[in-house]
Amino acid sequence: MSEITKKLVVSASPHFRAKDTTTKIMLDVIIAMIPALVAAVILFGVRSLVLTVVSVISCVVFEYLSRKVMKRHNTIGDLSAVVTGMLLAFNLPSTMPVWMVIIGAFVAIVIAKQFFGGIGNNFVNPALIGRIVLMASYPTQIGNFEAPFAYKTVDAVTTATPLAQMTGVYSAENLGTAIDNANLPSLLDMFFGVKGGCLGEVCILALLIGFVYLVIRKVISPVIPLVYMGTVAVAMLIAGKGNFEFVAYQLMAGGLVLGAVFMATDYTTSPVSFKGKIIYAIGCGLLTSLIRIFGSLPEGVSFSIIIMNILVPHIEHLTTARPFGEVKEKKNKKEEVK
């Protein structure tokens, strides 16, 4: 028998190379958001598409220029700027002026993302930072919501969001009567998006289609969205004194589903470990509920996710499993006294 020479090949990690790439993952996220975009165009007209396209183009251009100025390799091919642009547009009303959308894109890409090194280095969700800056700078414009199908009429028709309509319901003695008097859309209208709100948050059906697609494609884990929304459901069940109708309105109103599915699950700004995901999602849910009930603003999703994004490094530190075989070093009592 001939002797077979075996060679030990040593190479740098990663040793296991997956077929998934950043571009493929971002493409899946874009596909998952298309149903919500189609719903926005149906509900609020072609302007929804125009704002989304402007936001996407602005994000891509700002990413290209900032990388050029900072003398870094170009990353627009990974499609992350496209995802940020779509998410930013989804968090804005259809009445938002185009030039304000461009400002939001600049903040999201240049300040929140590229100043920290680009994709994978940002510590908060860029699209949410863009929205929060616009909210603080132009509160009137970002709170000007167009009524569904208003584009079919001659005069523009604005409306309040269901969350704004529910202001004061929390403290009512008879919650059921207060909900009836709030003149809210039916739960069926809430599910299909026939209500006032931002472009990508109104149609729950479209968002759930995107959620199922991402889970099937294994782009996201269902843990964070389900625990996030479940925490809000439990908190609102307590706040609503066991009123399930109130809970249903809270789950489908505002940007809860949009935030839970597409923003709280961001790879860079969410925990990796299973325990970390649970803690992170519960934190998002509790903060959202507290802001909605006790805060001066009717919505709390954006601020909740941003706050928990900041806490992710600490959550990871507390929940990361210890390497196999590691033994905790015991300190000498004499050294402790010194």
C-alpha atoms as a PDB file:
ATOM      1  CA  MET A   1       0.000   0.000   0.000  1.00  0.00           C
ATOM      2  CA  SER A   2       1.234   3.415  -0.855  1.00  0.00           C
ATOM      3  CA  GLU A   3       1.630   5.814   1.983  1.00  0.00           C
ATOM      4  CA  ILE A   4      -0.846   8.717   1.859  1.00  0.00           C
ATOM      5  CA  THR A   5       0.538  12.034   2.961  1.00  0.00           C
ATOM      6  CA  LYS A   6      -1.951  14.050   4.976  1.00  0.00           C
ATOM      7  CA  LYS A   7      -1.567  17.786   5.280  1.00  0.00           C
ATOM      8  CA  LEU A   8      -2.988  19.965   8.025  1.00  0.00           C
ATOM      9  CA  VAL A   9      -4.183  23.186   6.408  1.00  0.00           C
ATOM     10  CA  VAL A  10      -4.340  26.134   8.794  1.00  0.00           C
ATOM     11  CA  SER A  11      -6.326  29.195   7.740  1.00  0.00           C
ATOM     12  CA  ALA A  12      -7.939  32.208   9.313  1.00  0.00           C
ATOM     13  CA  SER A  13     -11.615  32.133  10.286  1.00  0.00           C
ATOM     14  CA  PRO A  14     -14.337  31.854   9.207  1.00  0.00           C
ATOM     15  CA  HIS A  15     -13.868  28.158   8.508  1.00  0.00           C
ATOM     16  CA  PHE A  16     -17.534  27.603   7.652  1.00  0.00           C
ATOM     17  CA  ARG A  17     -18.767  29.802   4.855  1.00  0.00           C
ATOM     18  CA  ALA A  18     -22.523  30.199   4.493  1.00  0.00           C
ATOM     19  CA  LYS A  19     -24.239  30.859   1.202  1.00  0.00           C
ATOM     20  CA  ASP A  20     -26.067  33.854   2.686  1.00  0.00           C
ATOM     21  CA  THR A  21     -24.560  37.255   2.010  1.00  0.00           C
ATOM     22  CA  THR A  22     -25.513  40.720   3.203  1.00  0.00           C
ATOM     23  CA  THR A  23     -26.928  41.484  -0.234  1.00  0.00           C
ATOM     24  CA  LYS A  24     -29.149  38.383  -0.261  1.00  0.00           C
ATOM     25  CA  ILE A  25     -30.435  39.111   3.248  1.00  0.00           C
ATOM     26  CA  MET A  26     -31.197  42.743   2.402  1.00  0.00           C
ATOM     27  CA  LEU A  27     -32.915  41.655  -0.809  1.00  0.00           C
ATOM     28  CA  ASP A  28     -35.176  39.367   1.222  1.00  0.00           C
ATOM     29  CA  VAL A  29     -36.021  42.252   3.560  1.00  0.00           C
ATOM     30  CA  ILE A  30     -36.863  44.452   0.563  1.00  0.00           C
ATOM     31  CA  ILE A  31     -39.129  41.734  -0.864  1.00  0.00           C
ATOM     32  CA  ALA A  32     -40.816  41.381   2.538  1.00  0.00           C
ATOM     33  CA  MET A  33     -41.580  45.132   2.578  1.00  0.00           C
ATOM     34  CA  ILE A  34     -43.139  45.210  -0.884  1.00  0.00           C
ATOM     35  CA  PRO A  35     -46.657  44.165   0.326  1.00  0.00           C
ATOM     36  CA  ALA A  36     -46.667  47.093   2.774  1.00  0.00           C
ATOM     37  CA  LEU A  37     -45.501  49.452   0.014  1.00  0.00           C
ATOM     38  CA  VAL A  38     -48.263  48.236  -2.330  1.00  0.00           C
ATOM     39  CA  ALA A  39     -50.810  48.735   0.468  1.00  0.00           C
ATOM     40  CA  ALA A  40     -49.510  52.275   1.068  1.00  0.00           C
ATOM     41  CA  VAL A  41     -49.895  53.164  -2.611  1.00  0.00           C
ATOM     42  CA  ILE A  42     -53.462  51.784  -2.639  1.00  0.00           C
ATOM     43  CA  LEU A  43     -54.404  53.636   0.563  1.00  0.00           C
ATOM     44  CA  PHE A  44     -52.555  56.934   0.127  1.00  0.00           C
ATOM     45  CA  GLY A  45     -51.886  57.196  -3.593  1.00  0.00           C
ATOM     46  CA  VAL A  46     -48.820  57.433  -5.836  1.00  0.00           C
ATOM     47  CA  ARG A  47     -47.228  60.000  -3.509  1.00  0.00           C
ATOM     48  CA  SER A  48     -46.405  57.077  -1.196  1.00  0.00           C
ATOM     49  CA  LEU A  49     -44.282  55.542  -3.940  1.00  0.00           C
ATOM     50  CA  VAL A  50     -42.679  58.915  -4.744  1.00  0.00           C
ATOM     51  CA  LEU A  51     -41.636  59.493  -1.119  1.00  0.00           C
ATOM     52  CA  THR A  52     -40.265  55.955  -0.854  1.00  0.00           C
ATOM     53  CA  VAL A  53     -38.259  56.294  -4.086  1.00  0.00           C
ATOM     54  CA  VAL A  54     -36.886  59.693  -2.985  1.00  0.00           C
ATOM     55  CA  SER A  55     -35.916  58.266   0.390  1.00  0.00           C
ATOM     56  CA  VAL A  56     -34.189  55.243  -1.153  1.00  0.00           C
ATOM     57  CA  ILE A  57     -32.293  57.272  -3.769  1.00  0.00           C
ATOM     58  CA  SER A  58     -31.231  59.825  -1.126  1.00  0.00           C
ATOM     59  CA  CYS A  59     -29.925  57.097   1.178  1.00  0.00           C
ATOM     60  CA  VAL A  60     -27.978  55.402  -1.616  1.00  0.00           C
ATOM     61  CA  VAL A  61     -26.470  58.711  -2.805  1.00  0.00           C
ATOM     62  CA  PHE A  62     -25.521  59.790   0.725  1.00  0.00           C
ATOM     63  CA  GLU A  63     -23.937  56.402   1.405  1.00  0.00           C
ATOM     64  CA  TYR A  64     -21.929  56.571  -1.841  1.00  0.00           C
ATOM     65  CA  LEU A  65     -20.748  60.151  -1.223  1.00  0.00           C
ATOM     66  CA  SER A  66     -19.923  59.648   2.452  1.00  0.00           C
ATOM     67  CA  ARG A  67     -17.904  56.505   1.717  1.00  0.00           C
ATOM     68  CA  LYS A  68     -16.101  58.426  -1.025  1.00  0.00           C
ATOM     69  CA  VAL A  69     -15.275  61.359   1.269  1.00  0.00           C
ATOM     70  CA  MET A  70     -14.160  59.030   4.085  1.00  0.00           C
ATOM     71  CA  LYS A  71     -12.032  57.074   1.568  1.00  0.00           C
ATOM     72  CA  ARG A  72     -13.720  53.763   2.336  1.00  0.00           C
ATOM     73  CA  HIS A  73     -14.693  51.035  -0.092  1.00  0.00           C
ATOM     74  CA  ASN A  74     -18.110  51.414  -1.682  1.00  0.00           C
ATOM     75  CA  THR A  75     -20.954  49.528   0.048  1.00  0.00           C
ATOM     76  CA  ILE A  76     -24.066  50.547  -1.882  1.00  0.00           C
ATOM     77  CA  GLY A  77     -24.078  47.117  -3.519  1.00  0.00           C
ATOM     78  CA  ASP A  78     -25.053  45.415  -0.239  1.00  0.00           C
ATOM     79  CA  LEU A  79     -28.527  47.051  -0.488  1.00  0.00           C
ATOM     80  CA  SER A  80     -28.514  48.091   3.187  1.00  0.00           C
ATOM     81  CA  ALA A  81     -28.990  51.742   2.176  1.00  0.00           C
ATOM     82  CA  VAL A  82     -32.065  50.723   0.159  1.00  0.00           C
ATOM     83  CA  VAL A  83     -33.541  48.997   3.212  1.00  0.00           C
ATOM     84  CA  THR A  84     -32.840  52.071   5.368  1.00  0.00           C
ATOM     85  CA  GLY A  85     -34.494  54.303   2.764  1.00  0.00           C
ATOM     86  CA  MET A  86     -37.626  52.156   2.631  1.00  0.00           C
ATOM     87  CA  LEU A  87     -37.878  51.940   6.425  1.00  0.00           C
ATOM     88  CA  LEU A  88     -37.453  55.688   6.785  1.00  0.00           C
ATOM     89  CA  ALA A  89     -40.249  56.312   4.270  1.00  0.00           C
ATOM     90  CA  PHE A  90     -42.438  53.716   6.011  1.00  0.00           C
ATOM     91  CA  ASN A  91     -42.144  55.780   9.212  1.00  0.00           C
ATOM     92  CA  LEU A  92     -43.376  58.997   7.601  1.00  0.00           C
ATOM     93  CA  PRO A  93     -46.846  60.216   6.567  1.00  0.00           C
ATOM     94  CA  SER A  94     -47.778  60.562   2.902  1.00  0.00           C
ATOM     95  CA  THR A  95     -47.997  64.359   3.339  1.00  0.00           C
ATOM     96  CA  MET A  96     -44.326  64.726   4.293  1.00  0.00           C
ATOM     97  CA  PRO A  97     -42.492  67.284   2.103  1.00  0.00           C
ATOM     98  CA  VAL A  98     -39.855  65.710  -0.130  1.00  0.00           C
ATOM     99  CA  TRP A  99     -37.019  67.943   1.088  1.00  0.00           C
ATOM    100  CA  MET A 100     -37.655  66.845   4.674  1.00  0.00           C
ATOM    101  CA  VAL A 101     -37.392  63.215   3.608  1.00  0.00           C
ATOM    102  CA  ILE A 102     -33.962  64.010   2.132  1.00  0.00           C
ATOM    103  CA  ILE A 103     -32.871  65.529   5.465  1.00  0.00           C
ATOM    104  CA  GLY A 104     -34.040  62.397   7.264  1.00  0.00           C
ATOM    105  CA  ALA A 105     -32.047  60.254   4.818  1.00  0.00           C
ATOM    106  CA  PHE A 106     -28.918  62.328   5.468  1.00  0.00           C
ATOM    107  CA  VAL A 107     -29.259  61.893   9.240  1.00  0.00           C
ATOM    108  CA  ALA A 108     -29.938  58.156   8.926  1.00  0.00           C
ATOM    109  CA  ILE A 109     -27.064  57.335   6.577  1.00  0.00           C
ATOM    110  CA  VAL A 110     -24.313  59.856   7.267  1.00  0.00           C
ATOM    111  CA  ILE A 111     -24.751  60.559  10.977  1.00  0.00           C
ATOM    112  CA  ALA A 112     -26.311  57.385  12.402  1.00  0.00           C
ATOM    113  CA  LYS A 113     -24.560  54.893  10.126  1.00  0.00           C
ATOM    114  CA  GLN A 114     -21.392  56.101   8.372  1.00  0.00           C
ATOM    115  CA  PHE A 115     -20.016  58.227  11.224  1.00  0.00           C
ATOM    116  CA  PHE A 116     -19.785  54.980  13.210  1.00  0.00           C
ATOM    117  CA  GLY A 117     -18.101  52.975  10.454  1.00  0.00           C
ATOM    118  CA  GLY A 118     -20.966  51.841   8.224  1.00  0.00           C
ATOM    119  CA  ILE A 119     -23.025  48.665   8.215  1.00  0.00           C
ATOM    120  CA  GLY A 120     -22.389  46.446  11.214  1.00  0.00           C
ATOM    121  CA  ASN A 121     -20.974  49.272  13.332  1.00  0.00           C
ATOM    122  CA  ASN A 122     -23.981  51.492  13.989  1.00  0.00           C
ATOM    123  CA  PHE A 123     -25.258  51.092  17.559  1.00  0.00           C
ATOM    124  CA  VAL A 124     -28.829  52.256  16.816  1.00  0.00           C
ATOM    125  CA  ASN A 125     -31.238  51.731  13.929  1.00  0.00           C
ATOM    126  CA  PRO A 126     -30.437  54.449  11.328  1.00  0.00           C
ATOM    127  CA  ALA A 127     -33.999  54.769   9.974  1.00  0.00           C
ATOM    128  CA  LEU A 128     -35.410  55.352  13.459  1.00  0.00           C
ATOM    129  CA  ILE A 129     -32.808  58.021  14.204  1.00  0.00           C
ATOM    130  CA  GLY A 130     -33.804  59.760  10.973  1.00  0.00           C
ATOM    131  CA  ARG A 131     -37.461  59.626  11.980  1.00  0.00           C
ATOM    132  CA  ILE A 132     -36.819  60.891  15.518  1.00  0.00           C
ATOM    133  CA  VAL A 133     -34.775  63.853  14.243  1.00  0.00           C
ATOM    134  CA  LEU A 134     -37.567  64.739  11.809  1.00  0.00           C
ATOM    135  CA  MET A 135     -40.132  64.345  14.580  1.00  0.00           C
ATOM    136  CA  ALA A 136     -38.210  66.733  16.835  1.00  0.00           C
ATOM    137  CA  SER A 137     -37.494  69.217  14.032  1.00  0.00           C
ATOM    138  CA  TYR A 138     -40.806  69.182  12.149  1.00  0.00           C
ATOM    139  CA  PRO A 139     -43.510  67.899  14.545  1.00  0.00           C
ATOM    140  CA  THR A 140     -46.365  69.538  12.630  1.00  0.00           C
ATOM    141  CA  GLN A 141     -45.445  67.973   9.281  1.00  0.00           C
ATOM    142  CA  ILE A 142     -44.711  64.523  10.684  1.00  0.00           C
ATOM    143  CA  GLY A 143     -48.015  64.539  12.541  1.00  0.00           C
ATOM    144  CA  ASN A 144     -50.070  65.534   9.488  1.00  0.00           C
ATOM    145  CA  PHE A 145     -51.706  62.252   8.490  1.00  0.00           C
ATOM    146  CA  GLU A 146     -53.766  61.890   5.340  1.00  0.00           C
ATOM    147  CA  ALA A 147     -56.984  59.898   5.496  1.00  0.00           C
ATOM    148  CA  PRO A 148     -57.056  56.675   3.441  1.00  0.00           C
ATOM    149  CA  PHE A 149     -58.246  57.171  -0.161  1.00  0.00           C
ATOM    150  CA  ALA A 150     -58.195  60.969   0.339  1.00  0.00           C
ATOM    151  CA  TYR A 151     -56.209  61.277  -2.898  1.00  0.00           C
ATOM    152  CA  LYS A 152     -59.390  60.389  -4.769  1.00  0.00           C
ATOM    153  CA  THR A 153     -61.083  63.569  -3.537  1.00  0.00           C
ATOM    154  CA  VAL A 154     -60.510  67.127  -4.751  1.00  0.00           C
ATOM    155  CA  ASP A 155     -59.636  68.538  -1.327  1.00  0.00           C
ATOM    156  CA  ALA A 156     -57.020  66.934   0.908  1.00  0.00           C
ATOM    157  CA  VAL A 157     -58.507  65.218   3.940  1.00  0.00           C
ATOM    158  CA  THR A 158     -56.425  64.762   7.080  1.00  0.00           C
ATOM    159  CA  THR A 159     -57.224  62.544  10.017  1.00  0.00           C
ATOM    160  CA  ALA A 160     -55.984  61.567  13.459  1.00  0.00           C
ATOM    161  CA  THR A 161     -54.321  58.224  14.049  1.00  0.00           C
ATOM    162  CA  PRO A 162     -56.138  55.631  16.179  1.00  0.00           C
ATOM    163  CA  LEU A 163     -53.551  56.084  18.941  1.00  0.00           C
ATOM    164  CA  ALA A 164     -54.215  59.826  19.026  1.00  0.00           C
ATOM    165  CA  GLN A 165     -57.953  59.126  19.104  1.00  0.00           C
ATOM    166  CA  MET A 166     -57.442  56.861  22.116  1.00  0.00           C
ATOM    167  CA  THR A 167     -55.796  59.603  24.176  1.00  0.00           C
ATOM    168  CA  GLY A 168     -57.620  59.705  27.481  1.00  0.00           C
ATOM    169  CA  VAL A 169     -59.167  56.268  27.046  1.00  0.00           C
ATOM    170  CA  TYR A 170     -56.615  54.788  29.479  1.00  0.00           C
ATOM    171  CA  SER A 171     -57.956  56.807  32.407  1.00  0.00           C
ATOM    172  CA  ALA A 172     -61.655  56.301  31.614  1.00  0.00           C
ATOM    173  CA  GLU A 173     -63.753  54.506  34.216  1.00  0.00           C
ATOM    174  CA  ASN A 174     -65.692  52.550  31.601  1.00  0.00           C
ATOM    175  CA  LEU A 175     -63.150  51.530  28.979  1.00  0.00           C
ATOM    176  CA  GLY A 176     -65.677  49.960  26.603  1.00  0.00           C
ATOM    177  CA  THR A 177     -67.792  53.112  26.476  1.00  0.00           C
ATOM    178  CA  ALA A 178     -64.683  55.272  26.044  1.00  0.00           C
ATOM    179  CA  ILE A 179     -63.565  53.176  23.057  1.00  0.00           C
ATOM    180  CA  ASP A 180     -67.022  53.498  21.465  1.00  0.00           C
ATOM    181  CA  ASN A 181     -66.973  57.283  21.987  1.00  0.00           C
ATOM    182  CA  ALA A 182     -63.470  57.615  20.516  1.00  0.00           C
ATOM    183  CA  ASN A 183     -64.890  57.079  17.009  1.00  0.00           C
ATOM    184  CA  LEU A 184     -62.203  54.531  16.137  1.00  0.00           C
ATOM    185  CA  PRO A 185     -62.041  52.549  12.878  1.00  0.00           C
ATOM    186  CA  SER A 186     -63.386  49.021  13.102  1.00  0.00           C
ATOM    187  CA  LEU A 187     -60.928  46.256  13.960  1.00  0.00           C
ATOM    188  CA  LEU A 188     -61.324  44.968  10.405  1.00  0.00           C
ATOM    189  CA  ASP A 189     -60.343  48.387   9.026  1.00  0.00           C
ATOM    190  CA  MET A 190     -57.411  48.437  11.423  1.00  0.00           C
ATOM    191  CA  PHE A 191     -56.235  45.080  10.083  1.00  0.00           C
ATOM    192  CA  PHE A 192     -56.469  46.096   6.424  1.00  0.00           C
ATOM    193  CA  GLY A 193     -55.029  49.583   6.987  1.00  0.00           C
ATOM    194  CA  VAL A 194     -58.078  51.792   6.431  1.00  0.00           C
ATOM    195  CA  LYS A 195     -56.895  54.315   9.023  1.00  0.00           C
ATOM    196  CA  GLY A 196     -54.580  57.261   9.415  1.00  0.00           C
ATOM    197  CA  GLY A 197     -50.885  56.617   9.978  1.00  0.00           C
ATOM    198  CA  CYS A 198     -47.435  56.387   8.446  1.00  0.00           C
ATOM    199  CA  LEU A 199     -46.970  54.721   5.070  1.00  0.00           C
ATOM    200  CA  GLY A 200     -45.662  51.352   6.166  1.00  0.00           C
ATOM    201  CA  GLU A 201     -47.420  50.862   9.480  1.00  0.00           C
ATOM    202  CA  VAL A 202     -51.119  50.928   8.634  1.00  0.00           C
ATOM    203  CA  CYS A 203     -51.768  47.620   6.836  1.00  0.00           C
ATOM    204  CA  ILE A 204     -51.252  44.851   9.391  1.00  0.00           C
ATOM    205  CA  LEU A 205     -52.053  42.155   6.819  1.00  0.00           C
ATOM    206  CA  ALA A 206     -49.203  43.317   4.557  1.00  0.00           C
ATOM    207  CA  LEU A 207     -46.765  43.439   7.486  1.00  0.00           C
ATOM    208  CA  LEU A 208     -47.701  39.933   8.598  1.00  0.00           C
ATOM    209  CA  ILE A 209     -47.125  38.646   5.057  1.00  0.00           C
ATOM    210  CA  GLY A 210     -43.649  40.164   5.204  1.00  0.00           C
ATOM    211  CA  PHE A 211     -43.087  38.659   8.660  1.00  0.00           C
ATOM    212  CA  VAL A 212     -44.014  35.144   7.506  1.00  0.00           C
ATOM    213  CA  TYR A 213     -41.762  35.509   4.442  1.00  0.00           C
ATOM    214  CA  LEU A 214     -38.754  36.540   6.553  1.00  0.00           C
ATOM    215  CA  VAL A 215     -39.286  33.685   8.998  1.00  0.00           C
ATOM    216  CA  ILE A 216     -39.642  31.120   6.191  1.00  0.00           C
ATOM    217  CA  ARG A 217     -36.480  32.456   4.561  1.00  0.00           C
ATOM    218  CA  LYS A 218     -34.793  32.303   7.995  1.00  0.00           C
ATOM    219  CA  VAL A 219     -33.762  35.931   7.712  1.00  0.00           C
ATOM    220  CA  ILE A 220     -35.146  36.708  11.168  1.00  0.00           C
ATOM    221  CA  SER A 221     -36.111  34.692  14.214  1.00  0.00           C
ATOM    222  CA  PRO A 222     -39.752  35.035  15.298  1.00  0.00           C
ATOM    223  CA  VAL A 223     -38.626  35.409  18.926  1.00  0.00           C
ATOM    224  CA  ILE A 224     -38.173  39.197  19.046  1.00  0.00           C
ATOM    225  CA  PRO A 225     -41.389  40.167  17.168  1.00  0.00           C
ATOM    226  CA  LEU A 226     -43.581  37.688  19.066  1.00  0.00           C
ATOM    227  CA  VAL A 227     -42.162  38.495  22.508  1.00  0.00           C
ATOM    228  CA  TYR A 228     -42.248  42.246  21.775  1.00  0.00           C
ATOM    229  CA  MET A 229     -45.904  42.225  20.703  1.00  0.00           C
ATOM    230  CA  GLY A 230     -46.793  39.677  23.394  1.00  0.00           C
ATOM    231  CA  THR A 231     -45.347  41.931  26.093  1.00  0.00           C
ATOM    232  CA  VAL A 232     -47.377  44.881  24.820  1.00  0.00           C
ATOM    233  CA  ALA A 233     -50.491  42.674  24.748  1.00  0.00           C
ATOM    234  CA  VAL A 234     -50.028  41.613  28.388  1.00  0.00           C
ATOM    235  CA  ALA A 235     -49.243  45.160  29.543  1.00  0.00           C
ATOM    236  CA  MET A 236     -52.266  46.578  27.738  1.00  0.00           C
ATOM    237  CA  LEU A 237     -54.495  43.797  29.043  1.00  0.00           C
ATOM    238  CA  ILE A 238     -53.563  44.912  32.545  1.00  0.00           C
ATOM    239  CA  ALA A 239     -53.907  48.611  31.707  1.00  0.00           C
ATOM    240  CA  GLY A 240     -57.187  47.930  29.930  1.00  0.00           C
ATOM    241  CA  LYS A 241     -58.617  46.004  32.892  1.00  0.00           C
ATOM    242  CA  GLY A 242     -59.053  42.835  30.855  1.00  0.00           C
ATOM    243  CA  ASN A 243     -60.640  44.516  27.809  1.00  0.00           C
ATOM    244  CA  PHE A 244     -59.497  42.462  24.775  1.00  0.00           C
ATOM    245  CA  GLU A 245     -60.879  44.999  22.292  1.00  0.00           C
ATOM    246  CA  PHE A 246     -58.577  47.608  23.812  1.00  0.00           C
ATOM    247  CA  VAL A 247     -55.631  45.194  23.464  1.00  0.00           C
ATOM    248  CA  ALA A 248     -56.478  44.528  19.799  1.00  0.00           C
ATOM    249  CA  TYR A 249     -56.501  48.264  19.029  1.00  0.00           C
ATOM    250  CA  GLN A 250     -53.165  48.726  20.786  1.00  0.00           C
ATOM    251  CA  LEU A 251     -51.544  45.913  18.827  1.00  0.00           C
ATOM    252  CA  MET A 252     -52.747  47.134  15.434  1.00  0.00           C
ATOM    253  CA  ALA A 253     -52.415  50.887  16.045  1.00  0.00           C
ATOM    254  CA  GLY A 254     -49.228  52.836  15.452  1.00  0.00           C
ATOM    255  CA  GLY A 255     -45.968  51.292  14.351  1.00  0.00           C
ATOM    256  CA  LEU A 256     -45.854  48.316  16.712  1.00  0.00           C
ATOM    257  CA  VAL A 257     -45.985  45.563  14.070  1.00  0.00           C
ATOM    258  CA  LEU A 258     -43.698  47.465  11.688  1.00  0.00           C
ATOM    259  CA  GLY A 259     -41.165  48.102  14.444  1.00  0.00           C
ATOM    260  CA  ALA A 260     -41.315  44.579  15.872  1.00  0.00           C
ATOM    261  CA  VAL A 261     -40.856  42.853  12.500  1.00  0.00           C
ATOM    262  CA  PHE A 262     -38.512  45.118  10.539  1.00  0.00           C
ATOM    263  CA  MET A 263     -36.610  47.334  13.005  1.00  0.00           C
ATOM    264  CA  ALA A 264     -36.296  45.570  16.351  1.00  0.00           C
ATOM    265  CA  THR A 265     -34.858  42.554  14.486  1.00  0.00           C
ATOM    266  CA  ASP A 266     -31.982  44.473  12.889  1.00  0.00           C
ATOM    267  CA  TYR A 267     -28.901  42.228  13.096  1.00  0.00           C
ATOM    268  CA  THR A 268     -26.510  44.985  14.137  1.00  0.00           C
ATOM    269  CA  THR A 269     -28.615  46.518  16.900  1.00  0.00           C
ATOM    270  CA  SER A 270     -30.277  43.446  18.439  1.00  0.00           C
ATOM    271  CA  PRO A 271     -28.824  40.673  20.656  1.00  0.00           C
ATOM    272  CA  VAL A 272     -27.492  37.414  19.254  1.00  0.00           C
ATOM    273  CA  SER A 273     -28.203  35.053  22.144  1.00  0.00           C
ATOM    274  CA  PHE A 274     -31.671  33.611  22.738  1.00  0.00           C
ATOM    275  CA  LYS A 275     -31.853  34.929  26.311  1.00  0.00           C
ATOM    276  CA  GLY A 276     -30.667  38.300  25.068  1.00  0.00           C
ATOM    277  CA  LYS A 277     -33.421  38.421  22.454  1.00  0.00           C
ATOM    278  CA  ILE A 278     -36.047  37.685  25.129  1.00  0.00           C
ATOM    279  CA  ILE A 279     -34.777  40.413  27.480  1.00  0.00           C
ATOM    280  CA  TYR A 280     -34.425  42.881  24.612  1.00  0.00           C
ATOM    281  CA  ALA A 281     -37.940  42.225  23.277  1.00  0.00           C
ATOM    282  CA  ILE A 282     -39.538  42.426  26.729  1.00  0.00           C
ATOM    283  CA  GLY A 283     -37.746  45.734  27.293  1.00  0.00           C
ATOM    284  CA  CYS A 284     -39.067  47.088  23.991  1.00  0.00           C
ATOM    285  CA  GLY A 285     -42.583  45.986  24.868  1.00  0.00           C
ATOM    286  CA  LEU A 286     -42.566  47.447  28.374  1.00  0.00           C
ATOM    287  CA  LEU A 287     -41.126  50.780  27.245  1.00  0.00           C
ATOM    288  CA  THR A 288     -43.634  51.039  24.391  1.00  0.00           C
ATOM    289  CA  SER A 289     -46.515  50.366  26.784  1.00  0.00           C
ATOM    290  CA  LEU A 290     -45.278  52.839  29.409  1.00  0.00           C
ATOM    291  CA  ILE A 291     -44.772  55.611  26.842  1.00  0.00           C
ATOM    292  CA  ARG A 292     -48.221  55.044  25.354  1.00  0.00           C
ATOM    293  CA  ILE A 293     -49.954  55.053  28.735  1.00  0.00           C
ATOM    294  CA  PHE A 294     -48.005  57.684  30.670  1.00  0.00           C
ATOM    295  CA  GLY A 295     -46.109  59.652  28.002  1.00  0.00           C
ATOM    296  CA  SER A 296     -47.180  62.865  26.299  1.00  0.00           C
ATOM    297  CA  LEU A 297     -46.803  61.218  22.877  1.00  0.00           C
ATOM    298  CA  PRO A 298     -49.355  58.601  21.772  1.00  0.00           C
ATOM    299  CA  GLU A 299     -46.680  56.400  20.141  1.00  0.00           C
ATOM    300  CA  GLY A 300     -43.627  54.854  21.768  1.00  0.00           C
ATOM    301  CA  VAL A 301     -42.167  52.296  19.364  1.00  0.00           C
ATOM    302  CA  SER A 302     -39.329  54.404  17.930  1.00  0.00           C
ATOM    303  CA  PHE A 303     -38.007  55.577  21.289  1.00  0.00           C
ATOM    304  CA  SER A 304     -38.365  52.131  22.850  1.00  0.00           C
ATOM    305  CA  ILE A 305     -36.339  50.378  20.154  1.00  0.00           C
ATOM    306  CA  ILE A 306     -33.638  53.079  20.220  1.00  0.00           C
ATOM    307  CA  ILE A 307     -33.291  52.853  24.013  1.00  0.00           C
ATOM    308  CA  MET A 308     -33.027  49.065  23.883  1.00  0.00           C
ATOM    309  CA  ASN A 309     -30.529  49.321  20.978  1.00  0.00           C
ATOM    310  CA  ILE A 310     -28.266  51.297  23.300  1.00  0.00           C
ATOM    311  CA  LEU A 311     -28.600  48.636  26.007  1.00  0.00           C
ATOM    312  CA  VAL A 312     -27.802  45.710  23.679  1.00  0.00           C
ATOM    313  CA  PRO A 313     -24.038  45.574  24.521  1.00  0.00           C
ATOM    314  CA  HIS A 314     -24.913  45.226  28.218  1.00  0.00           C
ATOM    315  CA  ILE A 315     -27.573  42.590  27.482  1.00  0.00           C
ATOM    316  CA  GLU A 316     -25.060  40.642  25.379  1.00  0.00           C
ATOM    317  CA  HIS A 317     -22.458  40.846  28.147  1.00  0.00           C
ATOM    318  CA  LEU A 318     -24.892  39.446  30.703  1.00  0.00           C
ATOM    319  CA  THR A 319     -26.370  36.700  28.532  1.00  0.00           C
ATOM    320  CA  THR A 320     -23.445  35.454  26.413  1.00  0.00           C
ATOM    321  CA  ALA A 321     -22.648  31.833  27.251  1.00  0.00           C
ATOM    322  CA  ARG A 322     -19.277  31.113  28.828  1.00  0.00           C
ATOM    323  CA  PRO A 323     -16.868  29.255  26.485  1.00  0.00           C
ATOM    324  CA  PHE A 324     -16.819  25.478  27.031  1.00  0.00           C
ATOM    325  CA  GLY A 325     -14.206  24.455  29.571  1.00  0.00           C
ATOM    326  CA  GLU A 326     -13.650  27.966  30.930  1.00  0.00           C
ATOM    327  CA  VAL A 327     -13.145  28.088  34.684  1.00  0.00           C
ATOM    328  CA  LYS A 328     -13.735  31.297  36.562  1.00  0.00           C
ATOM    329  CA  GLU A 329     -10.524  32.428  38.205  1.00  0.00           C
ATOM    330  CA  LYS A 330     -10.707  32.505  41.992  1.00  0.00           C
ATOM    331  CA  LYS A 331      -9.271  35.582  43.642  1.00  0.00           C
ATOM    332  CA  ASN A 332      -6.829  35.230  46.494  1.00  0.00           C
ATOM    333  CA  LYS A 333      -8.280  36.505  49.774  1.00  0.00           C
ATOM    334  CA  LYS A 334      -5.047  38.347  50.534  1.00  0.00           C
ATOM    335  CA  GLU A 335      -5.234  40.147  47.203  1.00  0.00           C
ATOM    336  CA  GLU A 336      -8.846  41.138  47.908  1.00  0.00           C
ATOM    337  CA  VAL A 337      -7.828  42.650  51.250  1.00  0.00           C
ATOM    338  CA  LYS A 338      -5.056  44.646  49.555  1.00  0.00           C
END
